Amino acid sequence: MIKPGVWVKIKSKNAVGFVLEASYHGAIVYVIENGKPDGKHKYSYHRLVALEDELNTEDLLELARLAVDLNQKEWFMEITDRLREIPG
């Protein structure tokens, strides 16, 4: 099971998302498709791949910009915390 707060790639879509809620049956994901917010959607776990280790500095900076555009202060703080953990 994927936990809330994890970034995921949605299989068969050009989309990533942030898991908002997770249960035995699936996850509610805030989706970003083709670089644009697409809102909340529910997915079964077989459609999701965790991206925790796959996001690089450029990806995180883009997500930070999106968080600012969406006025999501808490999300922005989580992203900048992750940026600080990247060496170099």
Protein backbone atom coordinates (compact mmCIF):
# COMPACT_ATOMS: atom_id res chain seq x y z
CA MET A 1 0.00 0.00 0.00
CA ILE A 2 1.25 3.47 -0.89
CA LYS A 3 1.08 5.96 1.98
CA PRO A 4 -0.29 9.52 1.89
CA GLY A 5 2.35 12.08 1.01
CA VAL A 6 4.09 9.91 -1.59
CA TRP A 7 4.54 11.04 -5.19
CA VAL A 8 3.38 8.52 -7.77
CA LYS A 9 3.41 8.03 -11.53
CA ILE A 10 0.09 6.99 -13.00
CA LYS A 11 0.55 4.13 -15.46
CA SER A 12 -0.78 4.63 -19.01
CA LYS A 13 -0.93 8.43 -18.56
CA ASN A 14 1.53 11.28 -18.89
CA ALA A 15 0.80 12.16 -15.29
CA VAL A 16 2.19 12.18 -11.78
CA GLY A 17 0.40 12.83 -8.55
CA PHE A 18 0.57 13.30 -4.81
CA VAL A 19 -1.25 10.73 -2.68
CA LEU A 20 -3.76 12.53 -0.45
CA GLU A 21 -5.51 9.49 1.07
CA ALA A 22 -4.91 5.76 0.97
CA SER A 23 -7.07 2.81 1.92
CA TYR A 24 -7.13 -0.91 1.29
CA HIS A 25 -9.00 -0.37 -1.98
CA GLY A 26 -6.89 2.38 -3.53
CA ALA A 27 -5.65 5.93 -3.24
CA ILE A 28 -6.97 9.45 -3.77
CA VAL A 29 -4.32 11.25 -5.81
CA TYR A 30 -3.97 14.93 -6.68
CA VAL A 31 -3.04 14.55 -10.35
CA ILE A 32 -0.78 16.68 -12.54
CA GLU A 33 -1.24 15.67 -16.17
CA ASN A 34 0.89 17.14 -18.97
CA GLY A 35 2.23 19.70 -16.48
CA LYS A 36 -1.22 20.99 -15.50
CA PRO A 37 -3.28 20.33 -12.34
CA ASP A 38 -6.09 17.86 -13.00
CA GLY A 39 -7.63 17.62 -9.53
CA LYS A 40 -8.31 14.64 -7.28
CA HIS A 41 -8.84 11.17 -8.71
CA LYS A 42 -9.14 7.70 -7.21
CA TYR A 43 -6.87 4.90 -8.49
CA SER A 44 -6.30 1.27 -7.62
CA TYR A 45 -2.74 0.48 -6.58
CA HIS A 46 -1.93 -1.48 -9.73
CA ARG A 47 -2.17 1.83 -11.67
CA LEU A 48 0.37 3.64 -9.45
CA VAL A 49 4.17 3.53 -9.17
CA ALA A 50 5.88 5.28 -6.23
CA LEU A 51 8.37 7.97 -7.31
CA GLU A 52 10.08 8.67 -4.00
CA ASP A 53 13.55 7.94 -5.33
CA GLU A 54 12.98 9.06 -8.91
CA LEU A 55 12.33 12.79 -8.47
CA ASN A 56 15.40 14.89 -9.24
CA THR A 57 16.16 18.53 -8.41
CA GLU A 58 14.58 19.82 -11.62
CA ASP A 59 11.39 17.84 -10.96
CA LEU A 60 11.18 19.14 -7.40
CA LEU A 61 11.72 22.75 -8.51
CA GLU A 62 8.90 22.40 -11.06
CA LEU A 63 6.63 20.98 -8.35
CA ALA A 64 7.58 23.83 -6.02
CA ARG A 65 6.53 26.33 -8.73
CA LEU A 66 3.24 24.48 -9.13
CA ALA A 67 2.67 24.57 -5.36
CA VAL A 68 3.18 28.35 -5.40
CA ASP A 69 0.80 28.74 -8.36
CA LEU A 70 -1.82 26.70 -6.48
CA ASN A 71 -1.20 28.62 -3.24
CA GLN A 72 -0.38 25.35 -1.44
CA LYS A 73 1.99 26.51 1.33
CA GLU A 74 2.17 23.15 3.16
CA TRP A 75 2.95 21.25 -0.03
CA PHE A 76 5.58 23.86 -0.97
CA MET A 77 7.26 23.40 2.42
CA GLU A 78 7.36 19.62 1.96
CA ILE A 79 8.96 20.03 -1.46
CA THR A 80 11.59 22.48 -0.23
CA ASP A 81 12.42 20.13 2.65
CA ARG A 82 13.11 17.42 0.07
CA LEU A 83 15.26 19.82 -1.95
CA ARG A 84 17.42 20.48 1.11
CA GLU A 85 18.05 16.74 1.45
CA ILE A 86 19.60 16.48 -2.03
CA PRO A 87 23.42 16.60 -1.81
CA GLY A 88 25.37 19.19 -3.79
